[in-house]
Amino acid sequence: DEIISFFGNRAFNEFAKLMIPRSGLFSSVP
């Protein structure tokens, strides 16, 4: 229950940052 509460209404783009394609479409920094 604590873990699921972390996510709420977050969208995918809050966890992945779009980047210019080189080695991946998204950065995993988030």
PDB file of all heavy atoms in Angstrom:
ATOM      1  N   ASP A   1       0.821  -1.215   0.000  1.00  0.00           N
ATOM      2  CA  ASP A   1       0.000   0.000   0.000  1.00  0.00           C
ATOM      3  C   ASP A   1       0.854   1.263   0.000  1.00  0.00           C
ATOM      4  O   ASP A   1       0.516   2.258  -0.666  1.00  0.00           O
ATOM      5  CB  ASP A   1      -0.938   0.021   1.216  1.00  0.00           C
ATOM      6  CG  ASP A   1      -2.163  -0.841   1.028  1.00  0.00           C
ATOM      7  OD1 ASP A   1      -2.540  -1.097  -0.135  1.00  0.00           O
ATOM      8  OD2 ASP A   1      -2.755  -1.265   2.036  1.00  0.00           O
ATOM      9  N   GLU A   2       1.958   1.254   0.729  1.00  0.00           N
ATOM     10  CA  GLU A   2       2.842   2.419   0.753  1.00  0.00           C
ATOM     11  C   GLU A   2       3.462   2.660  -0.614  1.00  0.00           C
ATOM     12  O   GLU A   2       3.563   3.804  -1.081  1.00  0.00           O
ATOM     13  CB  GLU A   2       3.938   2.230   1.794  1.00  0.00           C
ATOM     14  CG  GLU A   2       3.461   2.334   3.240  1.00  0.00           C
ATOM     15  CD  GLU A   2       4.536   2.000   4.240  1.00  0.00           C
ATOM     16  OE1 GLU A   2       5.343   1.075   3.995  1.00  0.00           O
ATOM     17  OE2 GLU A   2       4.567   2.661   5.297  1.00  0.00           O
ATOM     18  N   ILE A   3       3.862   1.584  -1.281  1.00  0.00           N
ATOM     19  CA  ILE A   3       4.513   1.728  -2.585  1.00  0.00           C
ATOM     20  C   ILE A   3       3.539   2.272  -3.620  1.00  0.00           C
ATOM     21  O   ILE A   3       3.867   3.191  -4.383  1.00  0.00           O
ATOM     22  CB  ILE A   3       5.098   0.380  -3.051  1.00  0.00           C
ATOM     23  CG1 ILE A   3       6.187  -0.085  -2.077  1.00  0.00           C
ATOM     24  CG2 ILE A   3       5.696   0.515  -4.464  1.00  0.00           C
ATOM     25  CD1 ILE A   3       6.663  -1.501  -2.312  1.00  0.00           C
ATOM     26  N   ILE A   4       2.334   1.718  -3.671  1.00  0.00           N
ATOM     27  CA  ILE A   4       1.376   2.178  -4.674  1.00  0.00           C
ATOM     28  C   ILE A   4       1.009   3.638  -4.433  1.00  0.00           C
ATOM     29  O   ILE A   4       0.702   4.378  -5.374  1.00  0.00           O
ATOM     30  CB  ILE A   4       0.120   1.269  -4.699  1.00  0.00           C
ATOM     31  CG1 ILE A   4      -0.674   1.471  -6.002  1.00  0.00           C
ATOM     32  CG2 ILE A   4      -0.755   1.513  -3.498  1.00  0.00           C
ATOM     33  CD1 ILE A   4       0.014   0.980  -7.222  1.00  0.00           C
ATOM     34  N   SER A   5       1.071   4.084  -3.192  1.00  0.00           N
ATOM     35  CA  SER A   5       0.733   5.476  -2.894  1.00  0.00           C
ATOM     36  C   SER A   5       1.754   6.448  -3.479  1.00  0.00           C
ATOM     37  O   SER A   5       1.447   7.631  -3.673  1.00  0.00           O
ATOM     38  CB  SER A   5       0.632   5.687  -1.380  1.00  0.00           C
ATOM     39  OG  SER A   5       1.916   5.648  -0.769  1.00  0.00           O
ATOM     40  N   PHE A   6       2.972   5.973  -3.774  1.00  0.00           N
ATOM     41  CA  PHE A   6       3.991   6.840  -4.354  1.00  0.00           C
ATOM     42  C   PHE A   6       3.611   7.321  -5.752  1.00  0.00           C
ATOM     43  O   PHE A   6       4.104   8.340  -6.228  1.00  0.00           O
ATOM     44  CB  PHE A   6       5.348   6.124  -4.447  1.00  0.00           C
ATOM     45  CG  PHE A   6       5.962   5.780  -3.126  1.00  0.00           C
ATOM     46  CD1 PHE A   6       6.831   4.704  -3.021  1.00  0.00           C
ATOM     47  CD2 PHE A   6       5.690   6.526  -1.990  1.00  0.00           C
ATOM     48  CE1 PHE A   6       7.421   4.369  -1.805  1.00  0.00           C
ATOM     49  CE2 PHE A   6       6.277   6.205  -0.773  1.00  0.00           C
ATOM     50  CZ  PHE A   6       7.140   5.125  -0.678  1.00  0.00           C
ATOM     51  N   PHE A   7       2.787   6.541  -6.428  1.00  0.00           N
ATOM     52  CA  PHE A   7       2.544   6.794  -7.846  1.00  0.00           C
ATOM     53  C   PHE A   7       1.341   7.694  -8.122  1.00  0.00           C
ATOM     54  O   PHE A   7       1.366   8.475  -9.067  1.00  0.00           O
ATOM     55  CB  PHE A   7       2.422   5.466  -8.596  1.00  0.00           C
ATOM     56  CG  PHE A   7       3.699   4.709  -8.624  1.00  0.00           C
ATOM     57  CD1 PHE A   7       4.025   3.827  -7.599  1.00  0.00           C
ATOM     58  CD2 PHE A   7       4.613   4.904  -9.633  1.00  0.00           C
ATOM     59  CE1 PHE A   7       5.230   3.143  -7.594  1.00  0.00           C
ATOM     60  CE2 PHE A   7       5.824   4.227  -9.639  1.00  0.00           C
ATOM     61  CZ  PHE A   7       6.133   3.346  -8.619  1.00  0.00           C
ATOM     62  N   GLY A   8       0.297   7.595  -7.313  1.00  0.00           N
ATOM     63  CA  GLY A   8      -0.842   8.479  -7.482  1.00  0.00           C
ATOM     64  C   GLY A   8      -1.299   8.564  -8.922  1.00  0.00           C
ATOM     65  O   GLY A   8      -1.567   7.567  -9.572  1.00  0.00           O
ATOM     66  N   ASN A   9      -1.349   9.774  -9.461  1.00  0.00           N
ATOM     67  CA  ASN A   9      -1.793   9.989 -10.840  1.00  0.00           C
ATOM     68  C   ASN A   9      -0.631  10.346 -11.766  1.00  0.00           C
ATOM     69  O   ASN A   9      -0.805  11.021 -12.768  1.00  0.00           O
ATOM     70  CB  ASN A   9      -2.848  11.101 -10.883  1.00  0.00           C
ATOM     71  CG  ASN A   9      -4.100  10.711 -10.133  1.00  0.00           C
ATOM     72  OD1 ASN A   9      -4.571   9.590 -10.248  1.00  0.00           O
ATOM     73  ND2 ASN A   9      -4.635  11.646  -9.349  1.00  0.00           N
ATOM     74  N   ARG A  10       0.545   9.886 -11.446  1.00  0.00           N
ATOM     75  CA  ARG A  10       1.711  10.228 -12.245  1.00  0.00           C
ATOM     76  C   ARG A  10       1.624   9.604 -13.631  1.00  0.00           C
ATOM     77  O   ARG A  10       1.156   8.494 -13.803  1.00  0.00           O
ATOM     78  CB  ARG A  10       2.994   9.743 -11.572  1.00  0.00           C
ATOM     79  CG  ARG A  10       3.242  10.408 -10.226  1.00  0.00           C
ATOM     80  CD  ARG A  10       4.513   9.878  -9.613  1.00  0.00           C
ATOM     81  NE  ARG A  10       4.677  10.432  -8.268  1.00  0.00           N
ATOM     82  CZ  ARG A  10       5.836  10.815  -7.772  1.00  0.00           C
ATOM     83  NH1 ARG A  10       6.920  10.716  -8.481  1.00  0.00           N
ATOM     84  NH2 ARG A  10       5.916  11.297  -6.558  1.00  0.00           N
ATOM     85  N   ALA A  11       2.126  10.308 -14.603  1.00  0.00           N
ATOM     86  CA  ALA A  11       2.184   9.814 -15.972  1.00  0.00           C
ATOM     87  C   ALA A  11       3.584   9.295 -16.255  1.00  0.00           C
ATOM     88  O   ALA A  11       4.547   9.608 -15.540  1.00  0.00           O
ATOM     89  CB  ALA A  11       1.824  10.918 -16.953  1.00  0.00           C
ATOM     90  N   PHE A  12       3.713   8.515 -17.318  1.00  0.00           N
ATOM     91  CA  PHE A  12       4.999   7.916 -17.675  1.00  0.00           C
ATOM     92  C   PHE A  12       6.086   8.970 -17.849  1.00  0.00           C
ATOM     93  O   PHE A  12       7.242   8.752 -17.472  1.00  0.00           O
ATOM     94  CB  PHE A  12       4.840   7.104 -18.956  1.00  0.00           C
ATOM     95  CG  PHE A  12       6.138   6.674 -19.577  1.00  0.00           C
ATOM     96  CD1 PHE A  12       6.973   5.776 -18.928  1.00  0.00           C
ATOM     97  CD2 PHE A  12       6.539   7.175 -20.807  1.00  0.00           C
ATOM     98  CE1 PHE A  12       8.173   5.376 -19.488  1.00  0.00           C
ATOM     99  CE2 PHE A  12       7.730   6.780 -21.366  1.00  0.00           C
ATOM    100  CZ  PHE A  12       8.554   5.888 -20.716  1.00  0.00           C
ATOM    101  N   ASN A  13       5.729  10.137 -18.414  1.00  0.00           N
ATOM    102  CA  ASN A  13       6.764  11.131 -18.681  1.00  0.00           C
ATOM    103  C   ASN A  13       7.377  11.731 -17.427  1.00  0.00           C
ATOM    104  O   ASN A  13       8.369  12.444 -17.490  1.00  0.00           O
ATOM    105  CB  ASN A  13       6.241  12.239 -19.611  1.00  0.00           C
ATOM    106  CG  ASN A  13       5.035  12.959 -19.054  1.00  0.00           C
ATOM    107  OD1 ASN A  13       4.739  12.841 -17.864  1.00  0.00           O
ATOM    108  ND2 ASN A  13       4.341  13.688 -19.907  1.00  0.00           N
ATOM    109  N   GLU A  14       6.788  11.447 -16.257  1.00  0.00           N
ATOM    110  CA  GLU A  14       7.419  11.884 -15.010  1.00  0.00           C
ATOM    111  C   GLU A  14       8.579  10.968 -14.636  1.00  0.00           C
ATOM    112  O   GLU A  14       9.408  11.314 -13.806  1.00  0.00           O
ATOM    113  CB  GLU A  14       6.398  11.908 -13.882  1.00  0.00           C
ATOM    114  CG  GLU A  14       5.355  12.993 -14.005  1.00  0.00           C
ATOM    115  CD  GLU A  14       4.504  13.074 -12.754  1.00  0.00           C
ATOM    116  OE1 GLU A  14       5.060  13.246 -11.656  1.00  0.00           O
ATOM    117  OE2 GLU A  14       3.281  12.930 -12.886  1.00  0.00           O
ATOM    118  N   PHE A  15       8.610   9.765 -15.239  1.00  0.00           N
ATOM    119  CA  PHE A  15       9.651   8.799 -14.907  1.00  0.00           C
ATOM    120  C   PHE A  15      10.651   8.611 -16.040  1.00  0.00           C
ATOM    121  O   PHE A  15      11.623   7.897 -15.888  1.00  0.00           O
ATOM    122  CB  PHE A  15       9.027   7.439 -14.568  1.00  0.00           C
ATOM    123  CG  PHE A  15       8.321   7.445 -13.250  1.00  0.00           C
ATOM    124  CD1 PHE A  15       7.011   7.851 -13.153  1.00  0.00           C
ATOM    125  CD2 PHE A  15       8.978   7.074 -12.098  1.00  0.00           C
ATOM    126  CE1 PHE A  15       6.361   7.878 -11.930  1.00  0.00           C
ATOM    127  CE2 PHE A  15       8.344   7.095 -10.870  1.00  0.00           C
ATOM    128  CZ  PHE A  15       7.028   7.505 -10.792  1.00  0.00           C
ATOM    129  N   ALA A  16      10.399   9.255 -17.165  1.00  0.00           N
ATOM    130  CA  ALA A  16      11.299   9.099 -18.294  1.00  0.00           C
ATOM    131  C   ALA A  16      11.349  10.394 -19.089  1.00  0.00           C
ATOM    132  O   ALA A  16      10.310  10.937 -19.456  1.00  0.00           O
ATOM    133  CB  ALA A  16      10.819   7.958 -19.199  1.00  0.00           C
ATOM    134  N   LYS A  17      12.522  10.879 -19.341  1.00  0.00           N
ATOM    135  CA  LYS A  17      12.706  12.151 -20.032  1.00  0.00           C
ATOM    136  C   LYS A  17      13.074  11.886 -21.491  1.00  0.00           C
ATOM    137  O   LYS A  17      14.042  11.187 -21.784  1.00  0.00           O
ATOM    138  CB  LYS A  17      13.819  12.942 -19.344  1.00  0.00           C
ATOM    139  CG  LYS A  17      14.087  14.304 -19.983  1.00  0.00           C
ATOM    140  CD  LYS A  17      15.208  15.002 -19.224  1.00  0.00           C
ATOM    141  CE  LYS A  17      15.525  16.352 -19.858  1.00  0.00           C
ATOM    142  NZ  LYS A  17      16.659  17.011 -19.164  1.00  0.00           N
ATOM    143  N   LEU A  18      12.262  12.449 -22.411  1.00  0.00           N
ATOM    144  CA  LEU A  18      12.524  12.271 -23.834  1.00  0.00           C
ATOM    145  C   LEU A  18      13.861  12.904 -24.192  1.00  0.00           C
ATOM    146  O   LEU A  18      14.184  14.004 -23.755  1.00  0.00           O
ATOM    147  CB  LEU A  18      11.397  12.908 -24.655  1.00  0.00           C
ATOM    148  CG  LEU A  18      11.432  12.675 -26.167  1.00  0.00           C
ATOM    149  CD1 LEU A  18      11.251  11.195 -26.467  1.00  0.00           C
ATOM    150  CD2 LEU A  18      10.341  13.483 -26.853  1.00  0.00           C
ATOM    151  N   MET A  19      14.647  12.179 -25.001  1.00  0.00           N
ATOM    152  CA  MET A  19      15.956  12.704 -25.379  1.00  0.00           C
ATOM    153  C   MET A  19      16.185  12.474 -26.871  1.00  0.00           C
ATOM    154  O   MET A  19      15.479  11.681 -27.507  1.00  0.00           O
ATOM    155  CB  MET A  19      17.062  12.010 -24.569  1.00  0.00           C
ATOM    156  CG  MET A  19      17.122  10.498 -24.719  1.00  0.00           C
ATOM    157  SD  MET A  19      18.239   9.698 -23.550  1.00  0.00           S
ATOM    158  CE  MET A  19      19.814  10.297 -24.111  1.00  0.00           C
ATOM    159  N   ILE A  20      17.136  13.201 -27.430  1.00  0.00           N
ATOM    160  CA  ILE A  20      17.477  13.003 -28.840  1.00  0.00           C
ATOM    161  C   ILE A  20      18.039  11.596 -29.000  1.00  0.00           C
ATOM    162  O   ILE A  20      18.981  11.210 -28.298  1.00  0.00           O
ATOM    163  CB  ILE A  20      18.514  14.046 -29.299  1.00  0.00           C
ATOM    164  CG1 ILE A  20      17.913  15.454 -29.187  1.00  0.00           C
ATOM    165  CG2 ILE A  20      18.961  13.762 -30.727  1.00  0.00           C
ATOM    166  CD1 ILE A  20      18.900  16.565 -29.451  1.00  0.00           C
ATOM    167  N   PRO A  21      17.467  10.767 -29.903  1.00  0.00           N
ATOM    168  CA  PRO A  21      17.896   9.369 -30.020  1.00  0.00           C
ATOM    169  C   PRO A  21      19.393   9.233 -30.295  1.00  0.00           C
ATOM    170  O   PRO A  21      19.920   9.821 -31.215  1.00  0.00           O
ATOM    171  CB  PRO A  21      17.073   8.852 -31.201  1.00  0.00           C
ATOM    172  CG  PRO A  21      15.872   9.717 -31.219  1.00  0.00           C
ATOM    173  CD  PRO A  21      16.349  11.069 -30.794  1.00  0.00           C
ATOM    174  N   ARG A  22      20.032   8.491 -29.458  1.00  0.00           N
ATOM    175  CA  ARG A  22      21.428   8.104 -29.650  1.00  0.00           C
ATOM    176  C   ARG A  22      21.569   6.677 -29.167  1.00  0.00           C
ATOM    177  O   ARG A  22      21.889   5.789 -29.920  1.00  0.00           O
ATOM    178  CB  ARG A  22      22.376   9.045 -28.899  1.00  0.00           C
ATOM    179  CG  ARG A  22      23.841   8.666 -29.085  1.00  0.00           C
ATOM    180  CD  ARG A  22      24.771   9.586 -28.325  1.00  0.00           C
ATOM    181  NE  ARG A  22      26.154   9.161 -28.452  1.00  0.00           N
ATOM    182  CZ  ARG A  22      27.160   9.711 -27.814  1.00  0.00           C
ATOM    183  NH1 ARG A  22      26.959  10.740 -26.996  1.00  0.00           N
ATOM    184  NH2 ARG A  22      28.394   9.251 -27.965  1.00  0.00           N
ATOM    185  N   SER A  23      21.307   6.466 -27.890  1.00  0.00           N
ATOM    186  CA  SER A  23      21.337   5.101 -27.360  1.00  0.00           C
ATOM    187  C   SER A  23      20.004   4.709 -26.754  1.00  0.00           C
ATOM    188  O   SER A  23      19.853   3.602 -26.252  1.00  0.00           O
ATOM    189  CB  SER A  23      22.441   4.976 -26.312  1.00  0.00           C
ATOM    190  OG  SER A  23      22.303   5.975 -25.325  1.00  0.00           O
ATOM    191  N   GLY A  24      19.012   5.624 -26.779  1.00  0.00           N
ATOM    192  CA  GLY A  24      17.690   5.329 -26.259  1.00  0.00           C
ATOM    193  C   GLY A  24      16.769   6.514 -26.462  1.00  0.00           C
ATOM    194  O   GLY A  24      17.228   7.657 -26.511  1.00  0.00           O
ATOM    195  N   LEU A  25      15.481   6.250 -26.597  1.00  0.00           N
ATOM    196  CA  LEU A  25      14.522   7.328 -26.799  1.00  0.00           C
ATOM    197  C   LEU A  25      14.297   8.142 -25.530  1.00  0.00           C
ATOM    198  O   LEU A  25      13.967   9.319 -25.591  1.00  0.00           O
ATOM    199  CB  LEU A  25      13.182   6.745 -27.278  1.00  0.00           C
ATOM    200  CG  LEU A  25      13.172   6.089 -28.662  1.00  0.00           C
ATOM    201  CD1 LEU A  25      11.815   5.453 -28.919  1.00  0.00           C
ATOM    202  CD2 LEU A  25      13.492   7.117 -29.744  1.00  0.00           C
ATOM    203  N   PHE A  26      14.459   7.475 -24.376  1.00  0.00           N
ATOM    204  CA  PHE A  26      14.193   8.145 -23.114  1.00  0.00           C
ATOM    205  C   PHE A  26      15.395   8.020 -22.179  1.00  0.00           C
ATOM    206  O   PHE A  26      16.073   6.998 -22.158  1.00  0.00           O
ATOM    207  CB  PHE A  26      12.965   7.547 -22.423  1.00  0.00           C
ATOM    208  CG  PHE A  26      11.670   7.815 -23.150  1.00  0.00           C
ATOM    209  CD1 PHE A  26      11.198   6.922 -24.087  1.00  0.00           C
ATOM    210  CD2 PHE A  26      10.942   8.959 -22.878  1.00  0.00           C
ATOM    211  CE1 PHE A  26      10.008   7.161 -24.765  1.00  0.00           C
ATOM    212  CE2 PHE A  26       9.752   9.212 -23.549  1.00  0.00           C
ATOM    213  CZ  PHE A  26       9.287   8.309 -24.494  1.00  0.00           C
ATOM    214  N   SER A  27      15.610   9.069 -21.414  1.00  0.00           N
ATOM    215  CA  SER A  27      16.621   9.035 -20.362  1.00  0.00           C
ATOM    216  C   SER A  27      16.008   8.408 -19.118  1.00  0.00           C
ATOM    217  O   SER A  27      14.832   8.618 -18.816  1.00  0.00           O
ATOM    218  CB  SER A  27      17.098  10.447 -20.046  1.00  0.00           C
ATOM    219  OG  SER A  27      17.822  10.476 -18.842  1.00  0.00           O
ATOM    220  N   SER A  28      16.793   7.655 -18.380  1.00  0.00           N
ATOM    221  CA  SER A  28      16.304   7.018 -17.153  1.00  0.00           C
ATOM    222  C   SER A  28      16.646   7.820 -15.905  1.00  0.00           C
ATOM    223  O   SER A  28      16.476   7.334 -14.788  1.00  0.00           O
ATOM    224  CB  SER A  28      16.877   5.601 -17.040  1.00  0.00           C
ATOM    225  OG  SER A  28      18.270   5.602 -17.177  1.00  0.00           O
ATOM    226  N   VAL A  29      17.100   9.059 -16.085  1.00  0.00           N
ATOM    227  CA  VAL A  29      17.448   9.907 -14.934  1.00  0.00           C
ATOM    228  C   VAL A  29      16.297  10.025 -13.941  1.00  0.00           C
ATOM    229  O   VAL A  29      16.507   9.952 -12.716  1.00  0.00           O
ATOM    230  CB  VAL A  29      17.916  11.299 -15.408  1.00  0.00           C
ATOM    231  CG1 VAL A  29      18.008  12.273 -14.235  1.00  0.00           C
ATOM    232  CG2 VAL A  29      19.274  11.191 -16.093  1.00  0.00           C
ATOM    233  N   PRO A  30      15.024  10.197 -14.401  1.00  0.00           N
ATOM    234  CA  PRO A  30      13.927  10.271 -13.427  1.00  0.00           C
ATOM    235  C   PRO A  30      13.772   9.009 -12.584  1.00  0.00           C
ATOM    236  O   PRO A  30      13.355   9.089 -11.430  1.00  0.00           O
ATOM    237  CB  PRO A  30      12.689  10.493 -14.315  1.00  0.00           C
ATOM    238  CG  PRO A  30      13.231  11.180 -15.525  1.00  0.00           C
ATOM    239  CD  PRO A  30      14.553  10.520 -15.756  1.00  0.00           C
TER     240      PRO A  30
END
